[in-house]
């Protein structure tokens, strides 16, 4: 009976997962290199820009805006800050900064002065776009996130996504439920990159929570009672190579759209 109940709970969770995944989410990720001596000025500019991003949220252009600072970075790092814009429709990325909204909020003089300060404080290293393909729940700001970048072997992208949805996602959903972390999601890079093609985002509300032990074996047995962990793990782990991990600290974020 216990096994039947666990199977039923898993199927219900899977049905909920499919519903969540049917709601599209994409994200543009901009990597910023702040010029020497300009950190305070850059953060002040982003604080000012938050008003504009919140207006974009209210207009339905984006769903969220997050500003992160890369942790454990040094002088030679290519970027220090990361700006992320979230979308519920990829078509909205074509004109994500409509001139009419900018003109509604700022005079031409204010626009020119702001952009002058932008060029003086930072360089945008690059912008990437990702589609979310799996998630433990609705993606929302967390104080800390760990970005894990994966290179998937040619021809294995479909199998990798399937394994993450069927094996990994239920596990991390249970971790979230038990308070070990705040969220988990899988993202696919839109443009092909030989270095990596996928990333997962592990979200945490407490500093150092990622170093605390998680009852992985115990939760595996509860979530996947019909799967042998020692046999299954090497099989799906062999689909990818982890390139690296990064830790980001949340600096600021917009609030949800007011209904």
C-alpha atoms as a PDB file:
ATOM      1  CA  UNK A   1       0.000   0.000   0.000  1.00  0.00           C
ATOM      2  CA  UNK A   2       2.849   2.415   0.847  1.00  0.00           C
ATOM      3  CA  UNK A   3       4.393   1.872  -2.577  1.00  0.00           C
ATOM      4  CA  UNK A   4       1.034   2.512  -4.257  1.00  0.00           C
ATOM      5  CA  UNK A   5       0.582   5.728  -2.288  1.00  0.00           C
ATOM      6  CA  UNK A   6       4.069   6.901  -3.187  1.00  0.00           C
ATOM      7  CA  UNK A   7       3.417   6.138  -6.849  1.00  0.00           C
ATOM      8  CA  UNK A   8       0.154   8.103  -6.721  1.00  0.00           C
ATOM      9  CA  UNK A   9       1.881  11.082  -5.097  1.00  0.00           C
ATOM     10  CA  UNK A  10       4.618  10.979  -7.724  1.00  0.00           C
ATOM     11  CA  UNK A  11       2.058  10.972 -10.551  1.00  0.00           C
ATOM     12  CA  UNK A  12       0.238  13.929  -8.992  1.00  0.00           C
ATOM     13  CA  UNK A  13       3.521  15.814  -8.673  1.00  0.00           C
ATOM     14  CA  UNK A  14       4.373  14.980 -12.277  1.00  0.00           C
ATOM     15  CA  UNK A  15       0.985  16.276 -13.437  1.00  0.00           C
ATOM     16  CA  UNK A  16       1.602  19.525 -11.564  1.00  0.00           C
ATOM     17  CA  UNK A  17       5.060  19.731 -13.125  1.00  0.00           C
ATOM     18  CA  UNK A  18       3.632  19.409 -16.633  1.00  0.00           C
ATOM     19  CA  UNK A  19       1.190  22.231 -15.870  1.00  0.00           C
ATOM     20  CA  UNK A  20       4.006  24.490 -14.649  1.00  0.00           C
ATOM     21  CA  UNK A  21       6.169  23.675 -17.661  1.00  0.00           C
ATOM     22  CA  UNK A  22       3.310  24.543 -20.039  1.00  0.00           C
ATOM     23  CA  UNK A  23       3.680  28.146 -18.874  1.00  0.00           C
ATOM     24  CA  UNK A  24       6.586  29.506 -20.906  1.00  0.00           C
ATOM     25  CA  UNK A  25       9.457  31.243 -19.166  1.00  0.00           C
ATOM     26  CA  UNK A  26      12.575  32.601 -20.804  1.00  0.00           C
ATOM     27  CA  UNK A  27      15.387  34.835 -19.590  1.00  0.00           C
ATOM     28  CA  UNK A  28      17.946  37.183 -21.085  1.00  0.00           C
ATOM     29  CA  UNK A  29      21.144  37.305 -19.055  1.00  0.00           C
ATOM     30  CA  UNK A  30      23.489  40.276 -19.321  1.00  0.00           C
ATOM     31  CA  UNK A  31      27.005  40.112 -17.867  1.00  0.00           C
ATOM     32  CA  UNK A  32      28.480  43.408 -16.644  1.00  0.00           C
ATOM     33  CA  UNK A  33      32.107  44.390 -16.100  1.00  0.00           C
ATOM     34  CA  UNK A  34      32.213  47.457 -13.859  1.00  0.00           C
ATOM     35  CA  UNK A  35      35.037  49.888 -14.498  1.00  0.00           C
ATOM     36  CA  UNK A  36      37.625  50.554 -11.757  1.00  0.00           C
ATOM     37  CA  UNK A  37      36.363  52.922  -9.077  1.00  0.00           C
ATOM     38  CA  UNK A  38      32.812  52.871 -10.430  1.00  0.00           C
ATOM     39  CA  UNK A  39      31.110  50.210  -8.295  1.00  0.00           C
ATOM     40  CA  UNK A  40      29.059  52.626  -6.167  1.00  0.00           C
ATOM     41  CA  UNK A  41      28.072  54.634  -9.239  1.00  0.00           C
ATOM     42  CA  UNK A  42      27.052  51.485 -11.086  1.00  0.00           C
ATOM     43  CA  UNK A  43      24.864  50.271  -8.228  1.00  0.00           C
ATOM     44  CA  UNK A  44      23.237  53.700  -7.998  1.00  0.00           C
ATOM     45  CA  UNK A  45      22.429  53.557 -11.720  1.00  0.00           C
ATOM     46  CA  UNK A  46      20.852  50.120 -11.356  1.00  0.00           C
ATOM     47  CA  UNK A  47      18.833  51.438  -8.416  1.00  0.00           C
ATOM     48  CA  UNK A  48      17.536  54.226 -10.654  1.00  0.00           C
ATOM     49  CA  UNK A  49      16.865  51.786 -13.499  1.00  0.00           C
ATOM     50  CA  UNK A  50      14.731  49.594 -11.237  1.00  0.00           C
ATOM     51  CA  UNK A  51      11.881  52.108 -11.589  1.00  0.00           C
ATOM     52  CA  UNK A  52      11.935  51.566 -15.344  1.00  0.00           C
ATOM     53  CA  UNK A  53      12.110  47.786 -15.042  1.00  0.00           C
ATOM     54  CA  UNK A  54       9.176  47.830 -12.624  1.00  0.00           C
ATOM     55  CA  UNK A  55       7.215  49.804 -15.212  1.00  0.00           C
ATOM     56  CA  UNK A  56       8.062  47.094 -17.773  1.00  0.00           C
ATOM     57  CA  UNK A  57       6.695  44.503 -15.341  1.00  0.00           C
ATOM     58  CA  UNK A  58       3.451  46.459 -14.917  1.00  0.00           C
ATOM     59  CA  UNK A  59       3.123  46.776 -18.706  1.00  0.00           C
ATOM     60  CA  UNK A  60       3.567  43.019 -19.119  1.00  0.00           C
ATOM     61  CA  UNK A  61       6.780  43.352 -21.148  1.00  0.00           C
ATOM     62  CA  UNK A  62       8.825  41.357 -18.634  1.00  0.00           C
ATOM     63  CA  UNK A  63       7.728  39.323 -15.635  1.00  0.00           C
ATOM     64  CA  UNK A  64      10.768  39.906 -13.409  1.00  0.00           C
ATOM     65  CA  UNK A  65      14.081  41.752 -13.269  1.00  0.00           C
ATOM     66  CA  UNK A  66      16.938  40.559 -11.044  1.00  0.00           C
ATOM     67  CA  UNK A  67      20.354  42.066 -10.344  1.00  0.00           C
ATOM     68  CA  UNK A  68      23.017  39.701  -9.012  1.00  0.00           C
ATOM     69  CA  UNK A  69      26.605  40.108  -7.872  1.00  0.00           C
ATOM     70  CA  UNK A  70      28.970  37.276  -8.672  1.00  0.00           C
ATOM     71  CA  UNK A  71      30.482  35.858  -5.493  1.00  0.00           C
ATOM     72  CA  UNK A  72      34.136  34.814  -5.184  1.00  0.00           C
ATOM     73  CA  UNK A  73      35.209  37.011  -8.093  1.00  0.00           C
ATOM     74  CA  UNK A  74      38.559  38.685  -8.676  1.00  0.00           C
ATOM     75  CA  UNK A  75      40.172  41.409 -10.751  1.00  0.00           C
ATOM     76  CA  UNK A  76      40.621  39.115 -13.742  1.00  0.00           C
ATOM     77  CA  UNK A  77      36.999  37.955 -13.862  1.00  0.00           C
ATOM     78  CA  UNK A  78      35.237  38.921 -17.110  1.00  0.00           C
ATOM     79  CA  UNK A  79      32.164  40.175 -15.202  1.00  0.00           C
ATOM     80  CA  UNK A  80      31.097  41.109 -11.667  1.00  0.00           C
ATOM     81  CA  UNK A  81      27.357  41.719 -11.976  1.00  0.00           C
ATOM     82  CA  UNK A  82      24.569  39.937 -13.821  1.00  0.00           C
ATOM     83  CA  UNK A  83      21.263  41.447 -14.945  1.00  0.00           C
ATOM     84  CA  UNK A  84      18.440  39.007 -15.721  1.00  0.00           C
ATOM     85  CA  UNK A  85      15.149  39.860 -17.464  1.00  0.00           C
ATOM     86  CA  UNK A  86      12.394  37.222 -17.446  1.00  0.00           C
ATOM     87  CA  UNK A  87       9.734  36.830 -20.146  1.00  0.00           C
ATOM     88  CA  UNK A  88       6.472  34.900 -20.490  1.00  0.00           C
ATOM     89  CA  UNK A  89       6.613  35.146 -24.298  1.00  0.00           C
ATOM     90  CA  UNK A  90       9.739  34.985 -26.450  1.00  0.00           C
ATOM     91  CA  UNK A  91       8.181  37.414 -28.971  1.00  0.00           C
ATOM     92  CA  UNK A  92       8.367  40.149 -26.328  1.00  0.00           C
ATOM     93  CA  UNK A  93      12.168  40.110 -26.521  1.00  0.00           C
ATOM     94  CA  UNK A  94      12.062  41.705 -29.983  1.00  0.00           C
ATOM     95  CA  UNK A  95      11.046  45.088 -28.529  1.00  0.00           C
ATOM     96  CA  UNK A  96      11.693  44.754 -24.817  1.00  0.00           C
ATOM     97  CA  UNK A  97      12.609  48.426 -24.327  1.00  0.00           C
ATOM     98  CA  UNK A  98       9.881  50.322 -26.207  1.00  0.00           C
ATOM     99  CA  UNK A  99      10.772  53.945 -26.859  1.00  0.00           C
ATOM    100  CA  UNK A 100       7.270  55.104 -26.014  1.00  0.00           C
ATOM    101  CA  UNK A 101       7.628  53.772 -22.452  1.00  0.00           C
ATOM    102  CA  UNK A 102      11.049  55.361 -22.032  1.00  0.00           C
ATOM    103  CA  UNK A 103       9.705  58.696 -23.306  1.00  0.00           C
ATOM    104  CA  UNK A 104       6.740  58.384 -20.959  1.00  0.00           C
ATOM    105  CA  UNK A 105       9.018  58.071 -17.925  1.00  0.00           C
ATOM    106  CA  UNK A 106      11.973  60.293 -18.805  1.00  0.00           C
ATOM    107  CA  UNK A 107      12.758  63.453 -20.714  1.00  0.00           C
ATOM    108  CA  UNK A 108      15.283  63.310 -23.548  1.00  0.00           C
ATOM    109  CA  UNK A 109      17.784  65.144 -21.331  1.00  0.00           C
ATOM    110  CA  UNK A 110      17.353  62.573 -18.565  1.00  0.00           C
ATOM    111  CA  UNK A 111      17.801  59.749 -21.046  1.00  0.00           C
ATOM    112  CA  UNK A 112      21.014  61.219 -22.438  1.00  0.00           C
ATOM    113  CA  UNK A 113      22.436  61.886 -18.974  1.00  0.00           C
ATOM    114  CA  UNK A 114      21.625  58.385 -17.812  1.00  0.00           C
ATOM    115  CA  UNK A 115      23.197  56.674 -20.828  1.00  0.00           C
ATOM    116  CA  UNK A 116      26.321  58.813 -20.467  1.00  0.00           C
ATOM    117  CA  UNK A 117      26.720  57.528 -16.913  1.00  0.00           C
ATOM    118  CA  UNK A 118      26.106  53.945 -18.086  1.00  0.00           C
ATOM    119  CA  UNK A 119      29.015  54.082 -20.536  1.00  0.00           C
ATOM    120  CA  UNK A 120      31.209  55.640 -17.856  1.00  0.00           C
ATOM    121  CA  UNK A 121      30.534  52.959 -15.246  1.00  0.00           C
ATOM    122  CA  UNK A 122      30.339  49.576 -16.969  1.00  0.00           C
ATOM    123  CA  UNK A 123      30.772  47.470 -20.102  1.00  0.00           C
ATOM    124  CA  UNK A 124      28.271  44.798 -21.071  1.00  0.00           C
ATOM    125  CA  UNK A 125      30.424  41.756 -21.800  1.00  0.00           C
ATOM    126  CA  UNK A 126      27.709  39.682 -23.489  1.00  0.00           C
ATOM    127  CA  UNK A 127      24.026  38.763 -23.424  1.00  0.00           C
ATOM    128  CA  UNK A 128      22.659  35.212 -23.493  1.00  0.00           C
ATOM    129  CA  UNK A 129      19.124  33.908 -23.766  1.00  0.00           C
ATOM    130  CA  UNK A 130      17.698  30.813 -22.073  1.00  0.00           C
ATOM    131  CA  UNK A 131      14.445  28.861 -22.183  1.00  0.00           C
ATOM    132  CA  UNK A 132      13.308  27.176 -18.988  1.00  0.00           C
ATOM    133  CA  UNK A 133      12.651  23.479 -19.603  1.00  0.00           C
ATOM    134  CA  UNK A 134      12.004  22.206 -16.061  1.00  0.00           C
ATOM    135  CA  UNK A 135      11.464  23.624 -12.569  1.00  0.00           C
ATOM    136  CA  UNK A 136      10.547  22.555  -9.064  1.00  0.00           C
ATOM    137  CA  UNK A 137       8.068  25.423  -8.834  1.00  0.00           C
ATOM    138  CA  UNK A 138       7.527  28.975 -10.052  1.00  0.00           C
ATOM    139  CA  UNK A 139      10.873  30.766 -10.402  1.00  0.00           C
ATOM    140  CA  UNK A 140      11.185  33.700  -8.006  1.00  0.00           C
ATOM    141  CA  UNK A 141      13.997  35.741  -6.452  1.00  0.00           C
ATOM    142  CA  UNK A 142      16.170  34.018  -3.857  1.00  0.00           C
ATOM    143  CA  UNK A 143      18.987  35.560  -1.848  1.00  0.00           C
ATOM    144  CA  UNK A 144      21.578  33.205  -3.309  1.00  0.00           C
ATOM    145  CA  UNK A 145      21.720  31.029  -6.401  1.00  0.00           C
ATOM    146  CA  UNK A 146      24.211  28.484  -7.672  1.00  0.00           C
ATOM    147  CA  UNK A 147      24.579  28.285 -11.457  1.00  0.00           C
ATOM    148  CA  UNK A 148      25.732  24.899 -12.755  1.00  0.00           C
ATOM    149  CA  UNK A 149      26.810  24.832 -16.404  1.00  0.00           C
ATOM    150  CA  UNK A 150      26.625  21.577 -18.375  1.00  0.00           C
ATOM    151  CA  UNK A 151      28.021  20.386 -21.657  1.00  0.00           C
ATOM    152  CA  UNK A 152      25.814  17.648 -23.127  1.00  0.00           C
ATOM    153  CA  UNK A 153      27.203  15.062 -25.500  1.00  0.00           C
ATOM    154  CA  UNK A 154      26.046  15.474 -29.143  1.00  0.00           C
ATOM    155  CA  UNK A 155      22.717  13.801 -29.776  1.00  0.00           C
ATOM    156  CA  UNK A 156      21.879  13.508 -26.067  1.00  0.00           C
ATOM    157  CA  UNK A 157      20.011  16.790 -25.459  1.00  0.00           C
ATOM    158  CA  UNK A 158      16.583  15.129 -25.498  1.00  0.00           C
ATOM    159  CA  UNK A 159      17.669  12.313 -23.192  1.00  0.00           C
ATOM    160  CA  UNK A 160      19.335  14.820 -20.856  1.00  0.00           C
ATOM    161  CA  UNK A 161      16.157  16.916 -20.564  1.00  0.00           C
ATOM    162  CA  UNK A 162      14.031  13.811 -20.009  1.00  0.00           C
ATOM    163  CA  UNK A 163      16.344  12.526 -17.273  1.00  0.00           C
ATOM    164  CA  UNK A 164      16.282  15.883 -15.519  1.00  0.00           C
ATOM    165  CA  UNK A 165      12.502  16.061 -15.644  1.00  0.00           C
ATOM    166  CA  UNK A 166      11.881  12.471 -14.587  1.00  0.00           C
ATOM    167  CA  UNK A 167      14.770  11.882 -12.169  1.00  0.00           C
ATOM    168  CA  UNK A 168      16.244  15.149 -10.908  1.00  0.00           C
ATOM    169  CA  UNK A 169      13.205  17.418 -10.727  1.00  0.00           C
ATOM    170  CA  UNK A 170      11.159  15.233  -8.331  1.00  0.00           C
ATOM    171  CA  UNK A 171      14.214  14.949  -6.061  1.00  0.00           C
ATOM    172  CA  UNK A 172      14.818  18.680  -5.882  1.00  0.00           C
ATOM    173  CA  UNK A 173      11.113  19.401  -5.493  1.00  0.00           C
ATOM    174  CA  UNK A 174      11.265  17.306  -2.331  1.00  0.00           C
ATOM    175  CA  UNK A 175      14.414  19.148  -1.183  1.00  0.00           C
ATOM    176  CA  UNK A 176      12.494  22.419  -1.590  1.00  0.00           C
ATOM    177  CA  UNK A 177       9.470  21.024   0.234  1.00  0.00           C
ATOM    178  CA  UNK A 178      11.666  20.047   3.195  1.00  0.00           C
ATOM    179  CA  UNK A 179      13.382  23.442   3.339  1.00  0.00           C
ATOM    180  CA  UNK A 180      16.836  22.354   2.191  1.00  0.00           C
ATOM    181  CA  UNK A 181      16.724  24.875  -0.678  1.00  0.00           C
ATOM    182  CA  UNK A 182      14.381  27.493  -2.142  1.00  0.00           C
ATOM    183  CA  UNK A 183      14.070  26.226  -5.715  1.00  0.00           C
ATOM    184  CA  UNK A 184      15.569  24.377  -8.661  1.00  0.00           C
ATOM    185  CA  UNK A 185      15.255  24.906 -12.422  1.00  0.00           C
ATOM    186  CA  UNK A 186      16.798  23.730 -15.695  1.00  0.00           C
ATOM    187  CA  UNK A 187      17.508  26.122 -18.571  1.00  0.00           C
ATOM    188  CA  UNK A 188      18.552  25.545 -22.175  1.00  0.00           C
ATOM    189  CA  UNK A 189      20.753  28.079 -23.908  1.00  0.00           C
ATOM    190  CA  UNK A 190      19.111  29.440 -27.053  1.00  0.00           C
ATOM    191  CA  UNK A 191      22.289  29.822 -29.098  1.00  0.00           C
ATOM    192  CA  UNK A 192      24.627  26.846 -29.444  1.00  0.00           C
ATOM    193  CA  UNK A 193      27.777  27.060 -27.381  1.00  0.00           C
ATOM    194  CA  UNK A 194      30.551  24.479 -27.551  1.00  0.00           C
ATOM    195  CA  UNK A 195      31.483  25.156 -23.923  1.00  0.00           C
ATOM    196  CA  UNK A 196      28.018  24.461 -22.459  1.00  0.00           C
ATOM    197  CA  UNK A 197      24.394  24.190 -23.593  1.00  0.00           C
ATOM    198  CA  UNK A 198      22.412  23.861 -20.350  1.00  0.00           C
ATOM    199  CA  UNK A 199      22.421  25.316 -16.872  1.00  0.00           C
ATOM    200  CA  UNK A 200      20.640  24.497 -13.655  1.00  0.00           C
ATOM    201  CA  UNK A 201      19.830  27.069 -10.994  1.00  0.00           C
ATOM    202  CA  UNK A 202      19.847  25.999  -7.337  1.00  0.00           C
ATOM    203  CA  UNK A 203      18.198  28.655  -5.154  1.00  0.00           C
ATOM    204  CA  UNK A 204      18.853  29.264  -1.459  1.00  0.00           C
ATOM    205  CA  UNK A 205      17.605  31.712   1.156  1.00  0.00           C
ATOM    206  CA  UNK A 206      20.427  31.215   3.653  1.00  0.00           C
ATOM    207  CA  UNK A 207      24.142  31.823   3.121  1.00  0.00           C
ATOM    208  CA  UNK A 208      26.089  28.558   3.080  1.00  0.00           C
ATOM    209  CA  UNK A 209      22.942  26.448   2.820  1.00  0.00           C
ATOM    210  CA  UNK A 210      24.488  24.788  -0.226  1.00  0.00           C
ATOM    211  CA  UNK A 211      27.170  23.276   2.007  1.00  0.00           C
ATOM    212  CA  UNK A 212      24.757  21.681   4.437  1.00  0.00           C
ATOM    213  CA  UNK A 213      24.211  17.987   3.992  1.00  0.00           C
ATOM    214  CA  UNK A 214      21.087  16.870   2.161  1.00  0.00           C
ATOM    215  CA  UNK A 215      19.520  13.434   2.811  1.00  0.00           C
ATOM    216  CA  UNK A 216      19.960  12.506  -0.847  1.00  0.00           C
ATOM    217  CA  UNK A 217      19.790   8.725  -0.483  1.00  0.00           C
ATOM    218  CA  UNK A 218      16.770   8.907   1.816  1.00  0.00           C
ATOM    219  CA  UNK A 219      14.816  11.180  -0.516  1.00  0.00           C
ATOM    220  CA  UNK A 220      15.799   9.123  -3.568  1.00  0.00           C
ATOM    221  CA  UNK A 221      14.290   6.024  -1.991  1.00  0.00           C
ATOM    222  CA  UNK A 222      11.082   7.923  -1.216  1.00  0.00           C
ATOM    223  CA  UNK A 223      10.719   9.644  -4.583  1.00  0.00           C
ATOM    224  CA  UNK A 224      12.024   6.818  -6.797  1.00  0.00           C
ATOM    225  CA  UNK A 225      11.175   3.586  -4.951  1.00  0.00           C
ATOM    226  CA  UNK A 226      11.252   1.635  -8.225  1.00  0.00           C
ATOM    227  CA  UNK A 227      14.723   2.839  -9.304  1.00  0.00           C
ATOM    228  CA  UNK A 228      18.074   1.537  -8.107  1.00  0.00           C
ATOM    229  CA  UNK A 229      20.161   4.634  -7.311  1.00  0.00           C
ATOM    230  CA  UNK A 230      23.579   3.074  -7.893  1.00  0.00           C
ATOM    231  CA  UNK A 231      22.490   1.870 -11.340  1.00  0.00           C
ATOM    232  CA  UNK A 232      20.442   4.883 -12.441  1.00  0.00           C
ATOM    233  CA  UNK A 233      22.758   7.727 -11.382  1.00  0.00           C
ATOM    234  CA  UNK A 234      25.760   6.782 -13.570  1.00  0.00           C
ATOM    235  CA  UNK A 235      23.438   6.289 -16.531  1.00  0.00           C
ATOM    236  CA  UNK A 236      21.931   9.768 -16.532  1.00  0.00           C
ATOM    237  CA  UNK A 237      25.097  11.468 -15.211  1.00  0.00           C
ATOM    238  CA  UNK A 238      26.952  10.111 -18.235  1.00  0.00           C
ATOM    239  CA  UNK A 239      24.834  12.248 -20.549  1.00  0.00           C
ATOM    240  CA  UNK A 240      26.651  15.435 -19.535  1.00  0.00           C
ATOM    241  CA  UNK A 241      29.840  16.977 -18.208  1.00  0.00           C
ATOM    242  CA  UNK A 242      29.654  19.718 -15.610  1.00  0.00           C
ATOM    243  CA  UNK A 243      31.781  22.605 -16.843  1.00  0.00           C
ATOM    244  CA  UNK A 244      31.740  24.779 -13.715  1.00  0.00           C
ATOM    245  CA  UNK A 245      29.573  26.329 -11.018  1.00  0.00           C
ATOM    246  CA  UNK A 246      29.158  29.957  -9.986  1.00  0.00           C
ATOM    247  CA  UNK A 247      27.534  31.528  -6.934  1.00  0.00           C
ATOM    248  CA  UNK A 248      25.484  34.725  -7.293  1.00  0.00           C
ATOM    249  CA  UNK A 249      24.108  36.955  -4.528  1.00  0.00           C
ATOM    250  CA  UNK A 250      20.856  38.837  -5.174  1.00  0.00           C
ATOM    251  CA  UNK A 251      21.320  42.625  -5.033  1.00  0.00           C
ATOM    252  CA  UNK A 252      17.872  43.805  -6.090  1.00  0.00           C
ATOM    253  CA  UNK A 253      14.714  42.703  -7.900  1.00  0.00           C
ATOM    254  CA  UNK A 254      11.351  43.988  -9.077  1.00  0.00           C
ATOM    255  CA  UNK A 255       8.126  42.984  -7.342  1.00  0.00           C
ATOM    256  CA  UNK A 256       5.371  40.989  -9.081  1.00  0.00           C
ATOM    257  CA  UNK A 257       2.896  42.780 -11.310  1.00  0.00           C
ATOM    258  CA  UNK A 258       0.008  44.330  -9.379  1.00  0.00           C
ATOM    259  CA  UNK A 259      -3.236  42.695 -10.498  1.00  0.00           C
END
